[in-house]
Amino acid sequence: MIESEYLAGLVNNNRVLAYFYLESMNKSNWYQRFTVNGQEINSVAWNLAHMAWAQNYLILVATGNNSVNIKWFDLFKIGSPPAPLELYPNQQDIMTAFESIHQLALHQINQMKEEEFDEPNLINLKFKNGSSKRLAIHHHLRHEGSHIGHLALLAKMHGVKTI
């Protein structure tokens, strides 16, 4: 198996776990925020919109200088302040972005040549062990995995049995 197929497979398999939790939750709860120890926890909708933004940034932009222009992305980028719920996109728009960016990311990874993985990523993201496009994809996997864990916790907070 070549590296592009392997990495695309990991990215896709990660997303399958996100769907496992999403399918167990009632969509009417997607915008609900919980407060824990005085801290407001991001909602399902926020996590999905942020994951779409992050996959766009960490894969499409970082490895190919491509980007999907979605007007509401700035509400969910890293470091953005919590947006009022009335500014959130609807569920269909979130899922359309979540799914279409994922397909574009898989395609982009699958089209990469072996030597491209060693090239510097295009967003100047630096890690202790380098700044390659490969490491940007690795970081995406870690990042998305952490938000999938957040979805798992939200499912439990909504009373869903996950195991």
Protein backbone atom coordinates (compact mmCIF):
# COMPACT_ATOMS: atom_id res chain seq x y z
CA MET A 1 0.00 0.00 0.00
CA ILE A 2 1.34 3.43 -0.86
CA GLU A 3 1.45 6.19 1.73
CA SER A 4 -1.31 8.27 0.14
CA GLU A 5 -3.75 5.36 0.33
CA TYR A 6 -2.71 4.58 3.89
CA LEU A 7 -3.12 8.16 5.14
CA ALA A 8 -6.42 8.63 3.31
CA GLY A 9 -7.64 5.40 4.90
CA LEU A 10 -6.73 6.65 8.38
CA VAL A 11 -8.46 9.99 7.76
CA ASN A 12 -11.57 8.22 6.54
CA ASN A 13 -11.60 5.68 9.37
CA ASN A 14 -11.34 8.51 11.89
CA ARG A 15 -14.44 10.10 10.37
CA VAL A 16 -16.36 6.82 10.61
CA LEU A 17 -16.04 7.04 14.39
CA ALA A 18 -17.49 10.57 14.34
CA TYR A 19 -20.53 9.24 12.50
CA PHE A 20 -20.93 6.48 15.10
CA TYR A 21 -21.57 9.14 17.77
CA LEU A 22 -23.56 11.46 15.52
CA GLU A 23 -25.99 8.73 14.53
CA SER A 24 -26.74 8.02 18.19
CA MET A 25 -27.69 11.60 19.02
CA ASN A 26 -30.97 13.41 18.50
CA LYS A 27 -30.45 16.28 16.05
CA SER A 28 -32.68 18.49 18.17
CA ASN A 29 -29.83 18.56 20.74
CA TRP A 30 -27.08 19.64 18.33
CA TYR A 31 -27.05 23.28 19.42
CA GLN A 32 -27.34 22.66 23.16
CA ARG A 33 -24.39 23.80 25.26
CA PHE A 34 -23.62 22.43 28.69
CA THR A 35 -21.91 24.26 31.52
CA VAL A 36 -19.41 22.24 33.55
CA ASN A 37 -17.66 23.82 36.54
CA GLY A 38 -18.65 27.24 35.26
CA GLN A 39 -17.23 26.63 31.78
CA GLU A 40 -19.49 26.45 28.73
CA ILE A 41 -18.82 23.35 26.63
CA ASN A 42 -19.05 23.57 22.83
CA SER A 43 -22.10 21.98 21.24
CA VAL A 44 -22.32 19.18 18.70
CA ALA A 45 -23.00 21.78 15.99
CA TRP A 46 -19.91 23.78 16.97
CA ASN A 47 -17.71 20.68 16.97
CA LEU A 48 -18.89 19.58 13.52
CA ALA A 49 -18.48 23.05 12.02
CA HIS A 50 -15.03 23.35 13.61
CA MET A 51 -14.02 19.90 12.33
CA ALA A 52 -15.05 20.96 8.81
CA TRP A 53 -13.03 24.17 9.13
CA ALA A 54 -10.03 22.24 10.49
CA GLN A 55 -10.05 19.60 7.76
CA ASN A 56 -10.20 22.36 5.18
CA TYR A 57 -7.24 24.14 6.81
CA LEU A 58 -5.08 21.20 7.91
CA ILE A 59 -5.48 19.11 4.75
CA LEU A 60 -6.81 21.14 1.83
CA VAL A 61 -4.81 24.29 2.54
CA ALA A 62 -1.77 22.80 4.30
CA THR A 63 -1.08 20.12 1.70
CA GLY A 64 -2.36 21.64 -1.53
CA ASN A 65 -3.11 25.32 -1.01
CA ASN A 66 -6.74 24.62 -1.84
CA SER A 67 -9.62 25.92 0.22
CA VAL A 68 -13.36 25.71 0.31
CA ASN A 69 -14.81 29.18 0.81
CA ILE A 70 -17.64 28.91 3.31
CA LYS A 71 -18.98 32.18 4.69
CA TRP A 72 -19.46 30.92 8.25
CA PHE A 73 -16.03 29.29 8.67
CA ASP A 74 -14.56 32.22 10.59
CA LEU A 75 -17.05 31.55 13.39
CA PHE A 76 -15.44 28.16 14.02
CA LYS A 77 -11.73 28.64 13.33
CA ILE A 78 -9.11 28.19 16.00
CA GLY A 79 -9.14 30.99 18.54
CA SER A 80 -12.49 32.44 17.50
CA PRO A 81 -14.75 33.63 20.32
CA PRO A 82 -17.99 31.69 20.85
CA ALA A 83 -20.54 32.87 18.32
CA PRO A 84 -24.18 33.57 19.17
CA LEU A 85 -26.38 30.65 18.17
CA GLU A 86 -28.36 32.80 15.73
CA LEU A 87 -25.20 33.07 13.58
CA TYR A 88 -24.72 29.30 13.36
CA PRO A 89 -25.44 27.57 10.05
CA ASN A 90 -28.30 25.11 9.95
CA GLN A 91 -27.71 21.37 10.34
CA GLN A 92 -27.87 20.66 6.62
CA ASP A 93 -25.25 23.32 5.83
CA ILE A 94 -22.97 22.00 8.55
CA MET A 95 -23.29 18.41 7.32
CA THR A 96 -22.85 19.41 3.67
CA ALA A 97 -19.58 21.14 4.55
CA PHE A 98 -18.52 18.30 6.89
CA GLU A 99 -19.06 15.68 4.20
CA SER A 100 -17.93 17.55 1.06
CA ILE A 101 -14.69 18.81 2.59
CA HIS A 102 -13.96 15.29 3.79
CA GLN A 103 -14.36 13.91 0.26
CA LEU A 104 -12.13 16.67 -1.14
CA ALA A 105 -9.51 15.95 1.54
CA LEU A 106 -9.50 12.22 0.75
CA HIS A 107 -9.13 12.97 -2.94
CA GLN A 108 -6.31 15.44 -2.32
CA ILE A 109 -4.38 12.99 -0.12
CA ASN A 110 -4.87 10.18 -2.63
CA GLN A 111 -3.49 12.39 -5.42
CA MET A 112 -0.30 13.26 -3.56
CA LYS A 113 2.96 11.76 -4.79
CA GLU A 114 5.29 10.12 -2.26
CA GLU A 115 7.80 12.97 -2.33
CA GLU A 116 5.10 15.59 -1.64
CA PHE A 117 4.56 14.23 1.87
CA ASP A 118 8.07 15.39 2.82
CA GLU A 119 7.57 18.93 1.50
CA PRO A 120 6.93 21.73 4.02
CA ASN A 121 3.25 22.24 4.75
CA LEU A 122 1.76 25.39 3.25
CA ILE A 123 0.46 26.94 6.48
CA ASN A 124 3.83 27.13 8.24
CA LEU A 125 2.70 24.71 10.95
CA LYS A 126 5.75 23.54 12.89
CA PHE A 127 6.05 20.48 15.10
CA LYS A 128 8.96 19.26 17.23
CA ASN A 129 9.75 16.68 14.57
CA GLY A 130 9.35 18.87 11.48
CA SER A 131 6.90 20.79 9.35
CA SER A 132 6.04 18.43 6.49
CA LYS A 133 2.73 17.94 4.77
CA ARG A 134 2.73 14.43 6.26
CA LEU A 135 2.91 15.90 9.76
CA ALA A 136 0.06 18.30 8.97
CA ILE A 137 -2.07 15.26 8.08
CA HIS A 138 -0.93 13.49 11.27
CA HIS A 139 -1.93 16.58 13.24
CA HIS A 140 -5.32 16.60 11.55
CA LEU A 141 -5.83 13.01 12.71
CA ARG A 142 -4.99 13.95 16.32
CA HIS A 143 -7.12 17.09 16.17
CA GLU A 144 -10.16 15.35 14.74
CA GLY A 145 -9.75 12.49 17.20
CA SER A 146 -9.90 14.93 20.12
CA HIS A 147 -13.14 16.41 18.78
CA ILE A 148 -14.57 12.94 18.23
CA GLY A 149 -13.88 12.37 21.93
CA HIS A 150 -15.81 15.57 22.62
CA LEU A 151 -18.72 14.19 20.55
CA ALA A 152 -18.58 10.99 22.63
CA LEU A 153 -18.77 13.01 25.84
CA LEU A 154 -21.64 15.11 24.46
CA ALA A 155 -23.50 11.94 23.54
CA LYS A 156 -23.20 10.73 27.13
CA MET A 157 -24.27 14.14 28.45
CA HIS A 158 -27.37 13.85 26.24
CA GLY A 159 -28.11 10.47 27.84
CA VAL A 160 -27.00 8.29 24.92
CA LYS A 161 -25.54 4.90 25.76
CA THR A 162 -22.38 4.73 23.63
CA ILE A 163 -21.02 1.31 24.57
